[in-house]
Full PDB file with SEQRES, HELIX, SHEET, SSBOND, CRYST1, ORIGX, SCALE, CONECT and MASTER records, all heavy atoms in Angstrom:
SEQRES   1 A   45  VAL SER GLY VAL ALA ALA ALA LEU CYS LEU ILE ALA ILE          
SEQRES   2 A   45  LEU THR LEU ILE VAL LEU GLN MET LEU ALA ARG TRP THR          
SEQRES   3 A   45  GLY GLU VAL PHE PRO GLY ALA PRO GLU TYR ALA GLY TYR          
SEQRES   4 A   45  ALA MET ALA ALA ALA SER                                      
HELIX    1 AA1 SER A    2  TRP A   25  1                                  24    
HELIX    2 AA2 ALA A   33  ALA A   44  1                                  12    
CRYST1    1.000    1.000    1.000  90.00  90.00  90.00 P 1           1          
ORIGX1      1.000000  0.000000  0.000000        0.00000                         
ORIGX2      0.000000  1.000000  0.000000        0.00000                         
ORIGX3      0.000000  0.000000  1.000000        0.00000                         
SCALE1      1.000000  0.000000  0.000000        0.00000                         
SCALE2      0.000000  1.000000  0.000000        0.00000                         
SCALE3      0.000000  0.000000  1.000000        0.00000                         
ATOM      1  N   VAL A   1       0.831  -1.208   0.000  1.00  0.00           N  
ATOM      2  CA  VAL A   1       0.000   0.000   0.000  1.00  0.00           C  
ATOM      3  C   VAL A   1       0.866   1.258   0.000  1.00  0.00           C  
ATOM      4  O   VAL A   1       0.561   2.223  -0.705  1.00  0.00           O  
ATOM      5  CB  VAL A   1      -0.970  -0.014   1.208  1.00  0.00           C  
ATOM      6  CG1 VAL A   1      -1.601   1.348   1.440  1.00  0.00           C  
ATOM      7  CG2 VAL A   1      -2.049  -1.063   1.008  1.00  0.00           C  
ATOM      8  N   SER A   2       1.970   1.238   0.757  1.00  0.00           N  
ATOM      9  CA  SER A   2       2.841   2.418   0.761  1.00  0.00           C  
ATOM     10  C   SER A   2       3.495   2.612  -0.606  1.00  0.00           C  
ATOM     11  O   SER A   2       3.673   3.750  -1.055  1.00  0.00           O  
ATOM     12  CB  SER A   2       3.892   2.325   1.866  1.00  0.00           C  
ATOM     13  OG  SER A   2       4.845   1.334   1.588  1.00  0.00           O  
ATOM     14  N   GLY A   3       3.818   1.523  -1.291  1.00  0.00           N  
ATOM     15  CA  GLY A   3       4.368   1.636  -2.642  1.00  0.00           C  
ATOM     16  C   GLY A   3       3.349   2.194  -3.623  1.00  0.00           C  
ATOM     17  O   GLY A   3       3.681   3.035  -4.471  1.00  0.00           O  
ATOM     18  N   VAL A   4       2.101   1.753  -3.496  1.00  0.00           N  
ATOM     19  CA  VAL A   4       1.040   2.275  -4.360  1.00  0.00           C  
ATOM     20  C   VAL A   4       0.796   3.753  -4.053  1.00  0.00           C  
ATOM     21  O   VAL A   4       0.613   4.564  -4.969  1.00  0.00           O  
ATOM     22  CB  VAL A   4      -0.256   1.440  -4.187  1.00  0.00           C  
ATOM     23  CG1 VAL A   4      -1.441   2.110  -4.855  1.00  0.00           C  
ATOM     24  CG2 VAL A   4      -0.060   0.034  -4.744  1.00  0.00           C  
ATOM     25  N   ALA A   5       0.811   4.119  -2.770  1.00  0.00           N  
ATOM     26  CA  ALA A   5       0.633   5.528  -2.395  1.00  0.00           C  
ATOM     27  C   ALA A   5       1.758   6.383  -2.971  1.00  0.00           C  
ATOM     28  O   ALA A   5       1.516   7.510  -3.428  1.00  0.00           O  
ATOM     29  CB  ALA A   5       0.567   5.669  -0.880  1.00  0.00           C  
ATOM     30  N   ALA A   6       2.974   5.851  -2.970  1.00  0.00           N  
ATOM     31  CA  ALA A   6       4.099   6.581  -3.570  1.00  0.00           C  
ATOM     32  C   ALA A   6       3.873   6.781  -5.067  1.00  0.00           C  
ATOM     33  O   ALA A   6       4.134   7.863  -5.597  1.00  0.00           O  
ATOM     34  CB  ALA A   6       5.402   5.831  -3.321  1.00  0.00           C  
ATOM     35  N   ALA A   7       3.380   5.743  -5.731  1.00  0.00           N  
ATOM     36  CA  ALA A   7       3.093   5.853  -7.166  1.00  0.00           C  
ATOM     37  C   ALA A   7       1.997   6.897  -7.419  1.00  0.00           C  
ATOM     38  O   ALA A   7       2.080   7.676  -8.383  1.00  0.00           O  
ATOM     39  CB  ALA A   7       2.686   4.495  -7.732  1.00  0.00           C  
ATOM     40  N   LEU A   8       0.997   6.928  -6.552  1.00  0.00           N  
ATOM     41  CA  LEU A   8      -0.067   7.930  -6.689  1.00  0.00           C  
ATOM     42  C   LEU A   8       0.471   9.339  -6.478  1.00  0.00           C  
ATOM     43  O   LEU A   8       0.021  10.284  -7.140  1.00  0.00           O  
ATOM     44  CB  LEU A   8      -1.204   7.629  -5.716  1.00  0.00           C  
ATOM     45  CG  LEU A   8      -2.016   6.370  -6.009  1.00  0.00           C  
ATOM     46  CD1 LEU A   8      -3.019   6.098  -4.895  1.00  0.00           C  
ATOM     47  CD2 LEU A   8      -2.709   6.468  -7.357  1.00  0.00           C  
ATOM     48  N   CYS A   9       1.444   9.486  -5.589  1.00  0.00           N  
ATOM     49  CA  CYS A   9       2.084  10.794  -5.409  1.00  0.00           C  
ATOM     50  C   CYS A   9       2.822  11.220  -6.671  1.00  0.00           C  
ATOM     51  O   CYS A   9       2.804  12.402  -7.032  1.00  0.00           O  
ATOM     52  CB  CYS A   9       3.043  10.752  -4.222  1.00  0.00           C  
ATOM     53  SG  CYS A   9       2.226  10.706  -2.614  1.00  0.00           S  
ATOM     54  N   LEU A  10       3.452  10.267  -7.346  1.00  0.00           N  
ATOM     55  CA  LEU A  10       4.127  10.599  -8.608  1.00  0.00           C  
ATOM     56  C   LEU A  10       3.122  11.026  -9.675  1.00  0.00           C  
ATOM     57  O   LEU A  10       3.382  11.958 -10.453  1.00  0.00           O  
ATOM     58  CB  LEU A  10       4.957   9.413  -9.091  1.00  0.00           C  
ATOM     59  CG  LEU A  10       6.175   9.070  -8.228  1.00  0.00           C  
ATOM     60  CD1 LEU A  10       6.849   7.806  -8.749  1.00  0.00           C  
ATOM     61  CD2 LEU A  10       7.149  10.227  -8.195  1.00  0.00           C  
ATOM     62  N   ILE A  11       1.973  10.367  -9.694  1.00  0.00           N  
ATOM     63  CA  ILE A  11       0.914  10.770 -10.633  1.00  0.00           C  
ATOM     64  C   ILE A  11       0.408  12.159 -10.275  1.00  0.00           C  
ATOM     65  O   ILE A  11       0.133  12.982 -11.157  1.00  0.00           O  
ATOM     66  CB  ILE A  11      -0.224   9.724 -10.644  1.00  0.00           C  
ATOM     67  CG1 ILE A  11       0.284   8.412 -11.245  1.00  0.00           C  
ATOM     68  CG2 ILE A  11      -1.440  10.242 -11.389  1.00  0.00           C  
ATOM     69  CD1 ILE A  11      -0.665   7.243 -11.094  1.00  0.00           C  
ATOM     70  N   ALA A  12       0.313  12.451  -8.974  1.00  0.00           N  
ATOM     71  CA  ALA A  12      -0.105  13.787  -8.538  1.00  0.00           C  
ATOM     72  C   ALA A  12       0.898  14.844  -8.998  1.00  0.00           C  
ATOM     73  O   ALA A  12       0.502  15.938  -9.412  1.00  0.00           O  
ATOM     74  CB  ALA A  12      -0.267  13.815  -7.016  1.00  0.00           C  
ATOM     75  N   ILE A  13       2.182  14.514  -8.933  1.00  0.00           N  
ATOM     76  CA  ILE A  13       3.208  15.460  -9.402  1.00  0.00           C  
ATOM     77  C   ILE A  13       3.016  15.744 -10.884  1.00  0.00           C  
ATOM     78  O   ILE A  13       3.029  16.903 -11.321  1.00  0.00           O  
ATOM     79  CB  ILE A  13       4.624  14.910  -9.132  1.00  0.00           C  
ATOM     80  CG1 ILE A  13       4.899  14.840  -7.645  1.00  0.00           C  
ATOM     81  CG2 ILE A  13       5.681  15.771  -9.830  1.00  0.00           C  
ATOM     82  CD1 ILE A  13       6.151  14.051  -7.287  1.00  0.00           C  
ATOM     83  N   LEU A  14       2.823  14.688 -11.670  1.00  0.00           N  
ATOM     84  CA  LEU A  14       2.597  14.867 -13.109  1.00  0.00           C  
ATOM     85  C   LEU A  14       1.367  15.726 -13.354  1.00  0.00           C  
ATOM     86  O   LEU A  14       1.393  16.657 -14.162  1.00  0.00           O  
ATOM     87  CB  LEU A  14       2.439  13.507 -13.792  1.00  0.00           C  
ATOM     88  CG  LEU A  14       2.017  13.551 -15.254  1.00  0.00           C  
ATOM     89  CD1 LEU A  14       3.125  14.144 -16.109  1.00  0.00           C  
ATOM     90  CD2 LEU A  14       1.644  12.173 -15.738  1.00  0.00           C  
ATOM     91  N   THR A  15       0.291  15.440 -12.644  1.00  0.00           N  
ATOM     92  CA  THR A  15      -0.952  16.196 -12.806  1.00  0.00           C  
ATOM     93  C   THR A  15      -0.754  17.662 -12.452  1.00  0.00           C  
ATOM     94  O   THR A  15      -1.214  18.557 -13.173  1.00  0.00           O  
ATOM     95  CB  THR A  15      -2.064  15.583 -11.934  1.00  0.00           C  
ATOM     96  OG1 THR A  15      -2.215  14.204 -12.271  1.00  0.00           O  
ATOM     97  CG2 THR A  15      -3.375  16.303 -12.113  1.00  0.00           C  
ATOM     98  N   LEU A  16      -0.059  17.915 -11.356  1.00  0.00           N  
ATOM     99  CA  LEU A  16       0.192  19.304 -10.953  1.00  0.00           C  
ATOM    100  C   LEU A  16       1.024  20.055 -11.978  1.00  0.00           C  
ATOM    101  O   LEU A  16       0.754  21.221 -12.279  1.00  0.00           O  
ATOM    102  CB  LEU A  16       0.887  19.332  -9.589  1.00  0.00           C  
ATOM    103  CG  LEU A  16       0.001  19.017  -8.393  1.00  0.00           C  
ATOM    104  CD1 LEU A  16       0.847  18.713  -7.166  1.00  0.00           C  
ATOM    105  CD2 LEU A  16      -0.948  20.180  -8.130  1.00  0.00           C  
ATOM    106  N   ILE A  17       2.027  19.392 -12.525  1.00  0.00           N  
ATOM    107  CA  ILE A  17       2.875  20.047 -13.526  1.00  0.00           C  
ATOM    108  C   ILE A  17       2.074  20.355 -14.784  1.00  0.00           C  
ATOM    109  O   ILE A  17       2.160  21.450 -15.345  1.00  0.00           O  
ATOM    110  CB  ILE A  17       4.107  19.172 -13.838  1.00  0.00           C  
ATOM    111  CG1 ILE A  17       5.048  19.161 -12.630  1.00  0.00           C  
ATOM    112  CG2 ILE A  17       4.840  19.676 -15.077  1.00  0.00           C  
ATOM    113  CD1 ILE A  17       6.170  18.163 -12.729  1.00  0.00           C  
ATOM    114  N   VAL A  18       1.263  19.393 -15.222  1.00  0.00           N  
ATOM    115  CA  VAL A  18       0.443  19.623 -16.418  1.00  0.00           C  
ATOM    116  C   VAL A  18      -0.569  20.743 -16.173  1.00  0.00           C  
ATOM    117  O   VAL A  18      -0.757  21.622 -17.032  1.00  0.00           O  
ATOM    118  CB  VAL A  18      -0.261  18.319 -16.850  1.00  0.00           C  
ATOM    119  CG1 VAL A  18      -1.313  18.579 -17.902  1.00  0.00           C  
ATOM    120  CG2 VAL A  18       0.757  17.305 -17.353  1.00  0.00           C  
ATOM    121  N   LEU A  19      -1.200  20.751 -14.998  1.00  0.00           N  
ATOM    122  CA  LEU A  19      -2.160  21.822 -14.688  1.00  0.00           C  
ATOM    123  C   LEU A  19      -1.478  23.185 -14.623  1.00  0.00           C  
ATOM    124  O   LEU A  19      -2.042  24.186 -15.078  1.00  0.00           O  
ATOM    125  CB  LEU A  19      -2.879  21.521 -13.374  1.00  0.00           C  
ATOM    126  CG  LEU A  19      -3.889  20.384 -13.401  1.00  0.00           C  
ATOM    127  CD1 LEU A  19      -4.437  20.106 -12.008  1.00  0.00           C  
ATOM    128  CD2 LEU A  19      -5.016  20.693 -14.384  1.00  0.00           C  
ATOM    129  N   GLN A  20      -0.280  23.213 -14.084  1.00  0.00           N  
ATOM    130  CA  GLN A  20       0.450  24.471 -14.038  1.00  0.00           C  
ATOM    131  C   GLN A  20       0.821  24.945 -15.439  1.00  0.00           C  
ATOM    132  O   GLN A  20       0.732  26.137 -15.752  1.00  0.00           O  
ATOM    133  CB  GLN A  20       1.698  24.338 -13.175  1.00  0.00           C  
ATOM    134  CG  GLN A  20       2.396  25.663 -12.957  1.00  0.00           C  
ATOM    135  CD  GLN A  20       3.612  25.539 -12.070  1.00  0.00           C  
ATOM    136  OE1 GLN A  20       4.168  24.467 -11.908  1.00  0.00           O  
ATOM    137  NE2 GLN A  20       4.039  26.657 -11.509  1.00  0.00           N  
ATOM    138  N   MET A  21       1.194  24.021 -16.309  1.00  0.00           N  
ATOM    139  CA  MET A  21       1.492  24.387 -17.692  1.00  0.00           C  
ATOM    140  C   MET A  21       0.247  24.927 -18.392  1.00  0.00           C  
ATOM    141  O   MET A  21       0.310  25.955 -19.078  1.00  0.00           O  
ATOM    142  CB  MET A  21       2.031  23.172 -18.454  1.00  0.00           C  
ATOM    143  CG  MET A  21       3.437  22.776 -18.058  1.00  0.00           C  
ATOM    144  SD  MET A  21       3.988  21.190 -18.734  1.00  0.00           S  
ATOM    145  CE  MET A  21       3.518  21.295 -20.433  1.00  0.00           C  
ATOM    146  N   LEU A  22      -0.875  24.242 -18.208  1.00  0.00           N  
ATOM    147  CA  LEU A  22      -2.124  24.709 -18.811  1.00  0.00           C  
ATOM    148  C   LEU A  22      -2.518  26.084 -18.284  1.00  0.00           C  
ATOM    149  O   LEU A  22      -2.990  26.937 -19.043  1.00  0.00           O  
ATOM    150  CB  LEU A  22      -3.240  23.694 -18.559  1.00  0.00           C  
ATOM    151  CG  LEU A  22      -3.113  22.358 -19.285  1.00  0.00           C  
ATOM    152  CD1 LEU A  22      -4.193  21.387 -18.821  1.00  0.00           C  
ATOM    153  CD2 LEU A  22      -3.197  22.568 -20.791  1.00  0.00           C  
ATOM    154  N   ALA A  23      -2.323  26.289 -16.992  1.00  0.00           N  
ATOM    155  CA  ALA A  23      -2.648  27.594 -16.408  1.00  0.00           C  
ATOM    156  C   ALA A  23      -1.787  28.697 -17.020  1.00  0.00           C  
ATOM    157  O   ALA A  23      -2.291  29.780 -17.338  1.00  0.00           O  
ATOM    158  CB  ALA A  23      -2.471  27.543 -14.893  1.00  0.00           C  
ATOM    159  N   ARG A  24      -0.518  28.423 -17.205  1.00  0.00           N  
ATOM    160  CA  ARG A  24       0.363  29.434 -17.798  1.00  0.00           C  
ATOM    161  C   ARG A  24      -0.026  29.730 -19.240  1.00  0.00           C  
ATOM    162  O   ARG A  24       0.003  30.878 -19.682  1.00  0.00           O  
ATOM    163  CB  ARG A  24       1.811  28.966 -17.751  1.00  0.00           C  
ATOM    164  CG  ARG A  24       2.429  29.100 -16.397  1.00  0.00           C  
ATOM    165  CD  ARG A  24       3.874  28.735 -16.419  1.00  0.00           C  
ATOM    166  NE  ARG A  24       4.434  28.778 -15.081  1.00  0.00           N  
ATOM    167  CZ  ARG A  24       5.621  28.334 -14.762  1.00  0.00           C  
ATOM    168  NH1 ARG A  24       6.403  27.811 -15.698  1.00  0.00           N  
ATOM    169  NH2 ARG A  24       6.059  28.408 -13.541  1.00  0.00           N  
ATOM    170  N   TRP A  25      -0.369  28.679 -19.997  1.00  0.00           N  
ATOM    171  CA  TRP A  25      -0.740  28.873 -21.395  1.00  0.00           C  
ATOM    172  C   TRP A  25      -2.032  29.674 -21.535  1.00  0.00           C  
ATOM    173  O   TRP A  25      -2.219  30.366 -22.528  1.00  0.00           O  
ATOM    174  CB  TRP A  25      -0.900  27.537 -22.100  1.00  0.00           C  
ATOM    175  CG  TRP A  25       0.388  26.797 -22.302  1.00  0.00           C  
ATOM    176  CD1 TRP A  25       1.655  27.292 -22.264  1.00  0.00           C  
ATOM    177  CD2 TRP A  25       0.531  25.402 -22.537  1.00  0.00           C  
ATOM    178  NE1 TRP A  25       2.583  26.305 -22.469  1.00  0.00           N  
ATOM    179  CE2 TRP A  25       1.913  25.117 -22.649  1.00  0.00           C  
ATOM    180  CE3 TRP A  25      -0.354  24.352 -22.671  1.00  0.00           C  
ATOM    181  CZ2 TRP A  25       2.421  23.861 -22.882  1.00  0.00           C  
ATOM    182  CZ3 TRP A  25       0.150  23.087 -22.914  1.00  0.00           C  
ATOM    183  CH2 TRP A  25       1.517  22.850 -23.018  1.00  0.00           C  
ATOM    184  N   THR A  26      -2.914  29.546 -20.572  1.00  0.00           N  
ATOM    185  CA  THR A  26      -4.190  30.267 -20.643  1.00  0.00           C  
ATOM    186  C   THR A  26      -4.146  31.598 -19.904  1.00  0.00           C  
ATOM    187  O   THR A  26      -5.152  32.308 -19.844  1.00  0.00           O  
ATOM    188  CB  THR A  26      -5.331  29.405 -20.072  1.00  0.00           C  
ATOM    189  OG1 THR A  26      -5.047  29.106 -18.700  1.00  0.00           O  
ATOM    190  CG2 THR A  26      -5.519  28.129 -20.870  1.00  0.00           C  
ATOM    191  N   GLY A  27      -3.004  31.946 -19.322  1.00  0.00           N  
ATOM    192  CA  GLY A  27      -2.886  33.216 -18.620  1.00  0.00           C  
ATOM    193  C   GLY A  27      -3.434  33.182 -17.203  1.00  0.00           C  
ATOM    194  O   GLY A  27      -3.577  34.230 -16.579  1.00  0.00           O  
ATOM    195  N   GLU A  28      -3.770  32.025 -16.709  1.00  0.00           N  
ATOM    196  CA  GLU A  28      -4.279  31.894 -15.342  1.00  0.00           C  
ATOM    197  C   GLU A  28      -3.129  31.663 -14.376  1.00  0.00           C  
ATOM    198  O   GLU A  28      -2.001  31.394 -14.774  1.00  0.00           O  
ATOM    199  CB  GLU A  28      -5.263  30.720 -15.249  1.00  0.00           C  
ATOM    200  CG  GLU A  28      -6.502  30.870 -16.093  1.00  0.00           C  
ATOM    201  CD  GLU A  28      -7.375  32.032 -15.648  1.00  0.00           C  
ATOM    202  OE1 GLU A  28      -7.489  32.257 -14.432  1.00  0.00           O  
ATOM    203  OE2 GLU A  28      -7.918  32.730 -16.522  1.00  0.00           O  
ATOM    204  N   VAL A  29      -3.437  31.752 -13.097  1.00  0.00           N  
ATOM    205  CA  VAL A  29      -2.440  31.522 -12.056  1.00  0.00           C  
ATOM    206  C   VAL A  29      -2.884  30.322 -11.224  1.00  0.00           C  
ATOM    207  O   VAL A  29      -4.049  30.230 -10.837  1.00  0.00           O  
ATOM    208  CB  VAL A  29      -2.290  32.764 -11.146  1.00  0.00           C  
ATOM    209  CG1 VAL A  29      -1.318  32.502 -10.015  1.00  0.00           C  
ATOM    210  CG2 VAL A  29      -1.859  33.965 -11.968  1.00  0.00           C  
ATOM    211  N   PHE A  30      -1.971  29.417 -10.998  1.00  0.00           N  
ATOM    212  CA  PHE A  30      -2.230  28.250 -10.140  1.00  0.00           C  
ATOM    213  C   PHE A  30      -1.315  28.400  -8.925  1.00  0.00           C  
ATOM    214  O   PHE A  30      -0.204  27.876  -8.897  1.00  0.00           O  
ATOM    215  CB  PHE A  30      -1.949  26.959 -10.895  1.00  0.00           C  
ATOM    216  CG  PHE A  30      -2.287  25.699 -10.147  1.00  0.00           C  
ATOM    217  CD1 PHE A  30      -2.827  25.716  -8.872  1.00  0.00           C  
ATOM    218  CD2 PHE A  30      -2.058  24.469 -10.720  1.00  0.00           C  
ATOM    219  CE1 PHE A  30      -3.128  24.552  -8.192  1.00  0.00           C  
ATOM    220  CE2 PHE A  30      -2.358  23.301 -10.058  1.00  0.00           C  
ATOM    221  CZ  PHE A  30      -2.896  23.349  -8.781  1.00  0.00           C  
ATOM    222  N   PRO A  31      -1.756  29.144  -7.913  1.00  0.00           N  
ATOM    223  CA  PRO A  31      -0.878  29.413  -6.783  1.00  0.00           C  
ATOM    224  C   PRO A  31      -0.555  28.139  -5.998  1.00  0.00           C  
ATOM    225  O   PRO A  31      -1.431  27.328  -5.725  1.00  0.00           O  
ATOM    226  CB  PRO A  31      -1.674  30.400  -5.920  1.00  0.00           C  
ATOM    227  CG  PRO A  31      -3.082  30.230  -6.317  1.00  0.00           C  
ATOM    228  CD  PRO A  31      -3.083  29.718  -7.744  1.00  0.00           C  
ATOM    229  N   GLY A  32       0.704  28.001  -5.693  1.00  0.00           N  
ATOM    230  CA  GLY A  32       1.129  26.890  -4.849  1.00  0.00           C  
ATOM    231  C   GLY A  32       1.418  25.590  -5.564  1.00  0.00           C  
ATOM    232  O   GLY A  32       1.792  24.615  -4.922  1.00  0.00           O  
ATOM    233  N   ALA A  33       1.287  25.548  -6.885  1.00  0.00           N  
ATOM    234  CA  ALA A  33       1.525  24.296  -7.610  1.00  0.00           C  
ATOM    235  C   ALA A  33       2.939  23.761  -7.392  1.00  0.00           C  
ATOM    236  O   ALA A  33       3.100  22.568  -7.127  1.00  0.00           O  
ATOM    237  CB  ALA A  33       1.234  24.469  -9.099  1.00  0.00           C  
ATOM    238  N   PRO A  34       3.979  24.590  -7.445  1.00  0.00           N  
ATOM    239  CA  PRO A  34       5.322  24.044  -7.190  1.00  0.00           C  
ATOM    240  C   PRO A  34       5.475  23.501  -5.764  1.00  0.00           C  
ATOM    241  O   PRO A  34       6.130  22.489  -5.552  1.00  0.00           O  
ATOM    242  CB  PRO A  34       6.256  25.235  -7.413  1.00  0.00           C  
ATOM    243  CG  PRO A  34       5.487  26.190  -8.235  1.00  0.00           C  
ATOM    244  CD  PRO A  34       4.053  25.987  -7.879  1.00  0.00           C  
ATOM    245  N   GLU A  35       4.842  24.183  -4.814  1.00  0.00           N  
ATOM    246  CA  GLU A  35       4.920  23.704  -3.433  1.00  0.00           C  
ATOM    247  C   GLU A  35       4.215  22.366  -3.283  1.00  0.00           C  
ATOM    248  O   GLU A  35       4.734  21.439  -2.640  1.00  0.00           O  
ATOM    249  CB  GLU A  35       4.302  24.733  -2.467  1.00  0.00           C  
ATOM    250  CG  GLU A  35       5.161  25.974  -2.265  1.00  0.00           C  
ATOM    251  CD  GLU A  35       4.947  27.039  -3.336  1.00  0.00           C  
ATOM    252  OE1 GLU A  35       4.102  26.848  -4.226  1.00  0.00           O  
ATOM    253  OE2 GLU A  35       5.645  28.066  -3.274  1.00  0.00           O  
ATOM    254  N   TYR A  36       3.025  22.240  -3.871  1.00  0.00           N  
ATOM    255  CA  TYR A  36       2.291  20.975  -3.784  1.00  0.00           C  
ATOM    256  C   TYR A  36       3.066  19.846  -4.461  1.00  0.00           C  
ATOM    257  O   TYR A  36       3.083  18.717  -3.984  1.00  0.00           O  
ATOM    258  CB  TYR A  36       0.900  21.094  -4.410  1.00  0.00           C  
ATOM    259  CG  TYR A  36      -0.031  22.008  -3.653  1.00  0.00           C  
ATOM    260  CD1 TYR A  36      -0.772  22.973  -4.320  1.00  0.00           C  
ATOM    261  CD2 TYR A  36      -0.170  21.920  -2.276  1.00  0.00           C  
ATOM    262  CE1 TYR A  36      -1.630  23.815  -3.646  1.00  0.00           C  
ATOM    263  CE2 TYR A  36      -1.017  22.770  -1.588  1.00  0.00           C  
ATOM    264  CZ  TYR A  36      -1.753  23.717  -2.282  1.00  0.00           C  
ATOM    265  OH  TYR A  36      -2.597  24.547  -1.598  1.00  0.00           O  
ATOM    266  N   ALA A  37       3.708  20.157  -5.586  1.00  0.00           N  
ATOM    267  CA  ALA A  37       4.524  19.148  -6.265  1.00  0.00           C  
ATOM    268  C   ALA A  37       5.704  18.743  -5.383  1.00  0.00           C  
ATOM    269  O   ALA A  37       6.070  17.564  -5.320  1.00  0.00           O  
ATOM    270  CB  ALA A  37       5.016  19.676  -7.610  1.00  0.00           C  
ATOM    271  N   GLY A  38       6.291  19.695  -4.682  1.00  0.00           N  
ATOM    272  CA  GLY A  38       7.375  19.390  -3.746  1.00  0.00           C  
ATOM    273  C   GLY A  38       6.908  18.521  -2.600  1.00  0.00           C  
ATOM    274  O   GLY A  38       7.600  17.574  -2.192  1.00  0.00           O  
ATOM    275  N   TYR A  39       5.727  18.810  -2.069  1.00  0.00           N  
ATOM    276  CA  TYR A  39       5.174  17.981  -0.993  1.00  0.00           C  
ATOM    277  C   TYR A  39       4.936  16.556  -1.493  1.00  0.00           C  
ATOM    278  O   TYR A  39       5.222  15.578  -0.798  1.00  0.00           O  
ATOM    279  CB  TYR A  39       3.850  18.548  -0.477  1.00  0.00           C  
ATOM    280  CG  TYR A  39       3.902  19.957   0.054  1.00  0.00           C  
ATOM    281  CD1 TYR A  39       2.800  20.795  -0.061  1.00  0.00           C  
ATOM    282  CD2 TYR A  39       5.045  20.462   0.678  1.00  0.00           C  
ATOM    283  CE1 TYR A  39       2.827  22.091   0.436  1.00  0.00           C  
ATOM    284  CE2 TYR A  39       5.079  21.762   1.163  1.00  0.00           C  
ATOM    285  CZ  TYR A  39       3.963  22.570   1.037  1.00  0.00           C  
ATOM    286  OH  TYR A  39       3.996  23.850   1.513  1.00  0.00           O  
ATOM    287  N   ALA A  40       4.398  16.461  -2.701  1.00  0.00           N  
ATOM    288  CA  ALA A  40       4.129  15.131  -3.271  1.00  0.00           C  
ATOM    289  C   ALA A  40       5.431  14.375  -3.534  1.00  0.00           C  
ATOM    290  O   ALA A  40       5.482  13.151  -3.370  1.00  0.00           O  
ATOM    291  CB  ALA A  40       3.315  15.269  -4.560  1.00  0.00           C  
ATOM    292  N   MET A  41       6.491  15.080  -3.924  1.00  0.00           N  
ATOM    293  CA  MET A  41       7.783  14.429  -4.157  1.00  0.00           C  
ATOM    294  C   MET A  41       8.349  13.884  -2.846  1.00  0.00           C  
ATOM    295  O   MET A  41       8.855  12.758  -2.797  1.00  0.00           O  
ATOM    296  CB  MET A  41       8.771  15.411  -4.795  1.00  0.00           C  
ATOM    297  CG  MET A  41      10.148  14.798  -5.020  1.00  0.00           C  
ATOM    298  SD  MET A  41      10.125  13.302  -6.018  1.00  0.00           S  
ATOM    299  CE  MET A  41      10.099  13.988  -7.630  1.00  0.00           C  
ATOM    300  N   ALA A  42       8.280  14.675  -1.786  1.00  0.00           N  
ATOM    301  CA  ALA A  42       8.761  14.202  -0.480  1.00  0.00           C  
ATOM    302  C   ALA A  42       7.940  13.003  -0.023  1.00  0.00           C  
ATOM    303  O   ALA A  42       8.487  12.011   0.467  1.00  0.00           O  
ATOM    304  CB  ALA A  42       8.698  15.329   0.543  1.00  0.00           C  
ATOM    305  N   ALA A  43       6.635  13.078  -0.178  1.00  0.00           N  
ATOM    306  CA  ALA A  43       5.768  11.964   0.222  1.00  0.00           C  
ATOM    307  C   ALA A  43       6.075  10.721  -0.598  1.00  0.00           C  
ATOM    308  O   ALA A  43       6.160   9.611  -0.057  1.00  0.00           O  
ATOM    309  CB  ALA A  43       4.300  12.362   0.062  1.00  0.00           C  
ATOM    310  N   ALA A  44       6.251  10.893  -1.911  1.00  0.00           N  
ATOM    311  CA  ALA A  44       6.551   9.747  -2.779  1.00  0.00           C  
ATOM    312  C   ALA A  44       7.853   9.089  -2.362  1.00  0.00           C  
ATOM    313  O   ALA A  44       7.950   7.859  -2.305  1.00  0.00           O  
ATOM    314  CB  ALA A  44       6.632  10.198  -4.239  1.00  0.00           C  
ATOM    315  N   SER A  45       8.852   9.886  -2.061  1.00  0.00           N  
ATOM    316  CA  SER A  45      10.146   9.328  -1.652  1.00  0.00           C  
ATOM    317  C   SER A  45      10.013   8.508  -0.385  1.00  0.00           C  
ATOM    318  O   SER A  45      10.435   7.351  -0.332  1.00  0.00           O  
ATOM    319  CB  SER A  45      11.157  10.455  -1.429  1.00  0.00           C  
ATOM    320  OG  SER A  45      11.361  11.165  -2.611  1.00  0.00           O  
TER     321      SER A  45                                                      
MASTER        0    0    0    2    0    0    0    6  320    1    0    4          
END                                                                             
């Protein structure tokens, strides 16, 4: 279960990065996306 949770954190990182890219392309702001990705990276590790 901890391995699966780590994999889900990696998917969350990918999702956050893609959402942040989409936000930038559309001129929107996604506050905290890098921080959330960092939290997910620490959790995944």
